[in-house]
Every structure is written in structure tokens, then in C-alpha cells.
Protein backbone atom coordinates (compact mmCIF):
# COMPACT_ATOMS: atom_id res chain seq x y z
CA MET A 1 -0.06 -0.10 -0.06
CA LEU A 2 1.48 3.52 -1.06
CA ILE A 3 0.98 6.19 2.27
CA ASP A 4 2.04 9.79 1.98
CA THR A 5 1.93 9.90 5.79
CA HIS A 6 2.78 13.58 5.83
CA ALA A 7 0.85 16.20 3.52
CA HIS A 8 -0.73 19.11 3.53
CA LEU A 9 -3.17 18.97 1.15
CA TYR A 10 -5.68 22.11 2.52
CA LEU A 11 -3.68 24.95 2.21
CA LYS A 12 -4.37 27.42 -0.06
CA GLU A 13 -1.82 26.49 -2.35
CA PHE A 14 -3.84 23.53 -3.48
CA GLU A 15 -7.63 25.78 -3.59
CA ALA A 16 -8.20 25.55 -7.11
CA ASP A 17 -7.00 21.85 -8.42
CA LEU A 18 -7.97 19.60 -5.07
CA PRO A 19 -9.99 17.02 -6.74
CA GLU A 20 -7.21 16.88 -9.71
CA VAL A 21 -4.42 16.24 -7.20
CA ILE A 22 -6.62 13.61 -5.00
CA SER A 23 -7.14 12.08 -8.41
CA ALA A 24 -3.40 12.21 -9.48
CA ALA A 25 -2.17 10.60 -6.28
CA LYS A 26 -4.98 7.66 -6.61
CA GLN A 27 -3.84 7.30 -10.77
CA LYS A 28 0.04 7.11 -8.79
CA GLY A 29 -1.80 4.12 -7.02
CA VAL A 30 -1.46 6.26 -3.57
CA GLU A 31 -4.34 4.16 -1.16
CA LYS A 32 -4.02 6.81 1.86
CA ILE A 33 -2.78 10.59 3.00
CA LEU A 34 -2.05 11.73 5.79
CA LEU A 35 -2.95 15.28 7.49
CA PRO A 36 -0.96 17.08 9.89
CA ASN A 37 -2.26 19.86 11.31
CA ILE A 38 -0.02 23.72 11.79
CA ASP A 39 -2.14 25.58 13.54
CA SER A 40 -5.87 26.98 15.05
CA THR A 41 -6.17 28.39 11.77
CA THR A 42 -5.75 25.24 9.45
CA ILE A 43 -8.20 23.32 11.40
CA ASP A 44 -10.94 23.78 9.99
CA ALA A 45 -9.35 23.54 6.06
CA LEU A 46 -7.89 20.41 7.38
CA ASN A 47 -11.04 18.61 8.95
CA ASN A 48 -13.14 19.85 6.10
CA MET A 49 -10.73 18.12 3.33
CA CYS A 50 -10.54 14.63 5.49
CA HIS A 51 -15.33 14.76 5.08
CA GLN A 52 -14.21 15.74 1.56
CA TYR A 53 -12.05 12.26 1.60
CA PRO A 54 -13.09 10.30 3.76
CA GLU A 55 -11.37 6.71 3.96
CA TYR A 56 -8.64 8.60 2.09
CA CYS A 57 -7.42 11.25 4.08
CA TYR A 58 -6.68 11.02 7.51
CA PRO A 59 -6.06 13.85 10.43
CA MET A 60 -3.51 14.46 12.79
CA MET A 61 -3.78 16.98 15.56
CA GLY A 62 -0.95 19.29 16.94
CA LEU A 63 0.75 23.09 17.10
CA HIS A 64 3.58 22.81 14.85
CA PRO A 65 6.81 24.73 16.26
CA GLY A 66 6.77 27.58 13.44
CA SER A 67 3.19 28.73 14.83
CA VAL A 68 4.53 29.00 18.40
CA ASN A 69 4.90 32.42 19.71
CA GLN A 70 4.10 34.11 23.00
CA ASP A 71 0.77 32.76 22.89
CA TYR A 72 1.18 29.49 22.57
CA LYS A 73 -0.58 28.42 25.27
CA LYS A 74 -3.84 30.12 23.92
CA GLU A 75 -2.92 28.34 21.18
CA LEU A 76 -2.79 24.81 22.63
CA GLU A 77 -6.14 25.63 24.24
CA ILE A 78 -8.06 25.55 20.99
CA ILE A 79 -5.25 22.37 19.13
CA LYS A 80 -6.84 20.40 22.75
CA GLU A 81 -10.25 21.11 22.71
CA GLU A 82 -10.50 20.16 19.08
CA ILE A 83 -8.23 16.64 20.10
CA ASP A 84 -10.31 16.01 22.59
CA ARG A 85 -14.35 16.54 19.86
CA GLY A 86 -12.05 14.94 17.40
CA SER A 87 -10.99 11.61 15.63
CA TYR A 88 -7.39 11.74 14.66
CA ILE A 89 -4.55 9.60 14.18
CA ALA A 90 -1.75 11.39 15.92
CA ILE A 91 -0.36 13.91 17.42
CA GLY A 92 1.69 16.59 14.90
CA GLU A 93 2.75 17.65 13.71
CA ILE A 94 5.12 18.92 16.74
CA GLY A 95 8.66 19.29 17.50
CA ILE A 96 11.40 22.07 17.48
CA ASP A 97 11.94 24.33 14.88
CA LEU A 98 15.62 26.40 15.00
CA TYR A 99 16.07 27.14 11.72
CA TRP A 100 14.33 30.74 10.99
CA ASP A 101 14.08 32.14 14.93
CA SER A 102 15.57 31.11 18.30
CA THR A 103 13.48 33.72 19.73
CA TYR A 104 10.83 31.46 21.58
CA LEU A 105 12.44 27.49 21.93
CA LYS A 106 11.63 28.14 25.70
CA GLU A 107 7.63 27.96 24.34
CA GLN A 108 8.86 25.18 21.45
CA ILE A 109 9.97 22.79 24.34
CA ALA A 110 6.95 23.81 26.35
CA ALA A 111 4.46 23.08 23.87
CA PHE A 112 5.87 20.21 22.87
CA GLU A 113 6.48 18.61 25.87
CA LEU A 114 3.10 18.68 26.83
CA GLN A 115 1.56 17.58 23.37
CA ILE A 116 3.76 14.94 24.60
CA ASP A 117 1.76 14.21 27.01
CA TRP A 118 -1.21 14.27 25.49
CA ALA A 119 -0.34 11.62 23.30
CA LYS A 120 0.90 9.66 25.91
CA GLU A 121 -2.07 10.21 27.88
CA LEU A 122 -4.25 9.14 23.85
CA GLU A 123 -1.53 5.78 22.97
CA LEU A 124 -1.35 7.96 19.61
CA PRO A 125 2.21 8.73 18.17
CA ILE A 126 3.66 11.91 17.74
CA VAL A 127 4.85 13.56 14.03
CA ILE A 128 8.25 14.80 15.00
CA HIS A 129 9.41 19.05 13.36
CA ALA A 130 12.95 18.90 13.64
CA ARG A 131 14.88 21.68 11.91
CA ASP A 132 18.79 22.44 13.10
CA SER A 133 16.76 21.08 16.69
CA PHE A 134 17.99 17.58 16.87
CA ALA A 135 19.90 18.19 20.08
CA GLU A 136 16.67 19.48 21.58
CA ILE A 137 14.76 17.47 20.77
CA PHE A 138 16.71 14.76 21.80
CA GLN A 139 17.00 16.38 25.31
CA VAL A 140 12.74 16.71 25.85
CA LEU A 141 13.08 13.04 24.46
CA ASP A 142 15.44 11.00 26.38
CA LYS A 143 13.21 12.87 29.54
CA LYS A 144 10.20 11.22 28.16
CA ILE A 145 10.53 8.31 26.91
CA ASP A 146 9.36 5.21 27.51
CA ASP A 147 6.93 2.43 26.35
CA LYS A 148 3.63 4.80 25.92
CA LEU A 149 5.86 7.10 23.63
CA PHE A 150 6.05 6.02 19.39
CA GLY A 151 6.43 7.92 16.80
CA VAL A 152 7.84 9.02 13.66
CA PHE A 153 10.53 11.87 12.82
CA HIS A 154 8.76 13.82 9.69
CA CYS A 155 11.03 14.90 6.58
CA PHE A 156 14.39 12.81 8.51
CA THR A 157 17.22 14.93 7.17
CA GLY A 158 19.84 13.78 10.13
CA GLU A 159 23.39 12.21 9.22
CA MET A 160 24.37 8.76 11.50
CA ALA A 161 24.62 9.74 14.79
CA GLU A 162 21.34 11.08 14.64
CA VAL A 163 19.37 7.58 12.86
CA GLU A 164 21.65 5.98 16.26
CA LYS A 165 19.99 7.18 18.57
CA ILE A 166 16.47 6.93 17.01
CA LEU A 167 16.56 3.42 16.29
CA ASN A 168 17.97 3.59 20.56
CA TYR A 169 14.30 5.06 21.39
CA LYS A 170 13.19 0.99 19.76
CA ASN A 171 9.09 2.95 18.62
CA PHE A 172 9.82 5.80 16.02
CA MET A 173 10.08 5.26 12.15
CA PHE A 174 11.77 7.33 9.68
CA GLY A 175 9.61 10.03 7.67
CA ILE A 176 11.87 9.87 4.58
CA GLY A 177 10.92 12.74 1.52
CA GLY A 178 11.90 14.19 -1.62
CA ILE A 179 15.15 15.11 -0.01
CA LEU A 180 16.06 11.48 -0.44
CA THR A 181 15.97 12.53 -4.62
CA PHE A 182 18.59 15.78 -4.43
CA LYS A 183 21.72 15.31 -5.71
CA ASN A 184 23.99 16.59 -3.76
CA ALA A 185 21.91 16.40 -0.04
CA GLY A 186 24.23 12.93 1.49
CA LEU A 187 20.30 11.33 2.17
CA ASP A 188 20.76 8.59 -0.12
CA LYS A 189 23.55 7.33 1.92
CA ILE A 190 22.67 7.53 5.65
CA VAL A 191 19.39 6.16 4.13
CA LYS A 192 20.94 2.93 3.55
CA ASP A 193 21.96 2.16 7.02
CA ILE A 194 18.36 2.43 7.85
CA PRO A 195 16.27 -0.95 8.45
CA LEU A 196 13.25 -0.57 6.13
CA ASN A 197 10.66 -1.18 8.94
CA LYS A 198 11.50 1.58 9.79
CA VAL A 199 10.79 3.86 7.20
CA ILE A 200 7.72 5.62 6.26
CA LEU A 201 7.31 7.45 3.61
CA GLU A 202 5.94 11.13 3.21
CA THR A 203 5.39 13.89 0.70
CA ASP A 204 5.03 17.43 3.08
CA ALA A 205 3.26 19.01 0.34
CA PRO A 206 3.19 21.63 -1.00
CA TYR A 207 6.83 21.55 0.03
CA LEU A 208 10.09 19.59 -0.99
CA SER A 209 9.32 18.17 -4.35
CA PRO A 210 10.81 15.20 -5.55
CA VAL A 211 13.32 15.58 -8.39
CA PRO A 212 12.20 15.67 -11.40
CA PHE A 213 9.64 18.59 -10.04
CA ARG A 214 12.34 20.08 -7.34
CA GLY A 215 11.78 23.89 -7.13
CA LYS A 216 7.49 23.20 -8.02
CA ARG A 217 4.62 22.54 -5.77
CA ASN A 218 4.65 19.33 -4.05
CA GLN A 219 1.50 17.10 -4.40
CA SER A 220 0.59 13.25 -3.00
CA SER A 221 1.10 11.68 -6.23
CA TYR A 222 4.94 12.34 -6.25
CA VAL A 223 5.60 9.79 -3.54
CA HIS A 224 5.57 7.34 -6.38
CA TYR A 225 9.41 8.91 -7.12
CA ILE A 226 10.71 8.92 -3.62
CA ALA A 227 9.55 4.74 -3.48
CA GLU A 228 11.75 4.63 -6.48
CA LYS A 229 15.00 6.24 -5.48
CA LEU A 230 14.11 4.36 -1.87
CA ALA A 231 14.30 0.97 -3.58
CA GLU A 232 17.34 2.01 -5.99
CA ILE A 233 19.29 2.30 -2.88
CA ASN A 234 18.44 -0.59 -1.16
CA GLU A 235 18.64 -2.45 -4.74
CA VAL A 236 15.33 -3.91 -4.18
CA THR A 237 11.75 -4.35 -6.00
CA LEU A 238 9.46 -1.35 -5.84
CA SER A 239 6.63 -3.02 -5.19
CA GLN A 240 9.23 -4.32 -2.05
CA ILE A 241 9.30 -0.92 -0.75
CA ILE A 242 5.49 0.32 -1.60
CA GLU A 243 4.73 -3.37 0.22
CA GLN A 244 6.89 -2.81 3.60
CA THR A 245 6.57 1.58 3.74
CA GLY A 246 3.21 0.60 3.71
CA LYS A 247 2.46 -2.07 6.05
CA ASN A 248 5.01 0.76 8.48
CA ALA A 249 2.47 3.13 7.61
CA THR A 250 -0.66 1.34 8.74
CA GLU A 251 0.97 -0.09 11.98
CA LEU A 252 2.03 3.90 13.10
CA PHE A 253 -0.65 5.24 12.31
CA ASN A 254 -3.22 1.77 13.11
CA LEU A 255 -4.87 2.66 10.20
CA ALA A 256 -5.86 -0.71 9.28
CA SER A 257 -8.89 -0.19 12.15
CA GLU A 258 -9.84 2.90 11.03
């Protein structure tokens, strides 16, 4: 089962042609698309899309670290209310992002820790956004890790040291996206050493389009190109990659019961 485990198809970039985007994904064999939330401004669009495409699009709920600021507690209240009344497959996307700015690092850590606690209480996976922040993410996880904590490092771009650390957590997977296809990214050399039973595929649409669409709007049908590249790197068939990553995603997000 080919699954795009991380896409933001509810954003304005898809307003003009969403039905065509969904149709293209289906034609490429994508059987499910998982949608992580960003903040309170995206909840309605996210849920509307899942209602529009039931049993095809599945919602997650969380506060993206890029939306954390001095008012983060108000945002978290809204997110928690939504989690309590909705039906979500994961808490996400959450984490720490220090790429642009570290002004709200303390607030990002607090928001991350609280949402981890929610996930553990609800027995849901977490979807971690880690951009220029592995050290900070690991500090939080080292405090929080137990048998109830599981999830995925979305858009993984770390080195072997990060791979080993994440594998030691036991219950985390690696979300691999379009960067895998970038010629000079070096991710292909790292991914070779990640066990295939720990990998799930994602686009992060509309961002990070794989080659040959790099620089253009990403969409869920392009997850097929990521699967092809992963098959090439691991010297296995495309069908093996689709089967294994689909199985991984189904188990991680408990999609068999959906």
C-alpha cells in the first residue's frame, strides 16, 4: 500500500485544483494520505478535507513549532479542545524548529513536552518536526521516553549519529521525503543504513518536491518517485518498498482499524 504519510493538501496552494491532485495521487497508486495540522487557523480546512475524502485522507492534530510564539498557551487550548472532540490518528506535527529563529525556544520546548504528554495519554503516535534542532529534540525525548511514546521523525535529514540515537528509542520511524532524491543532499548514503521496517514515505506537500519536480509545488502523487529512489538505493523492487513502507505506516498510525 503506497501511503503519503505527511501532506498539507488543505493549504491555499491546492485551492484551485484539489480534486485533480487527489485524482493524480490515486492514479499513481496512493491509497491513503495523512494530513498533519499546523495551528488553529488550519483546523477547519484540515477537517473539511477529511470529510470531503473520507477513508482516503486522515487527520492529525497538533501545534507546529513554527506557529509557537508568546500566545502559544492559547493555541494549545484550542488544539486540545479539538483533540478531545475529534478523531485523530496522531498528534502532529509537533517539535522544535530553530532554522529561522530561536526566540521562542523555551516556548517551543514547553509546547512539545505538553503535546507529548497528550499523545501518551491517548496512546497516539507523535509526528516530530526537527529542523536544526536534533540536540534539543533529543533532550526532551530522553526525559519523556517510555513504552507509551512512539512516532516518526518527519522529513528526516540527520546523520548516522541521529539515526543511531533514534533507533535506540526503539519505537520511532523515519519519515523519508523528496530530499532523498536531491543530488547533493547526501541523504541517500544515510538512508542505506536505516532498516526498511523503520521507514515511511511522505511528500510534505506543497513543499520539498522530489526530482524531477524540484522547485515546483509538491503533491501526493510524487511520493511514487521517493519510493522509486528508495528501491534503487536499497537494491530491491519498487513493490517491496511499497509493501514494507505501507505496512510500517499502517501499524504506526493504526490505519487497519480506520
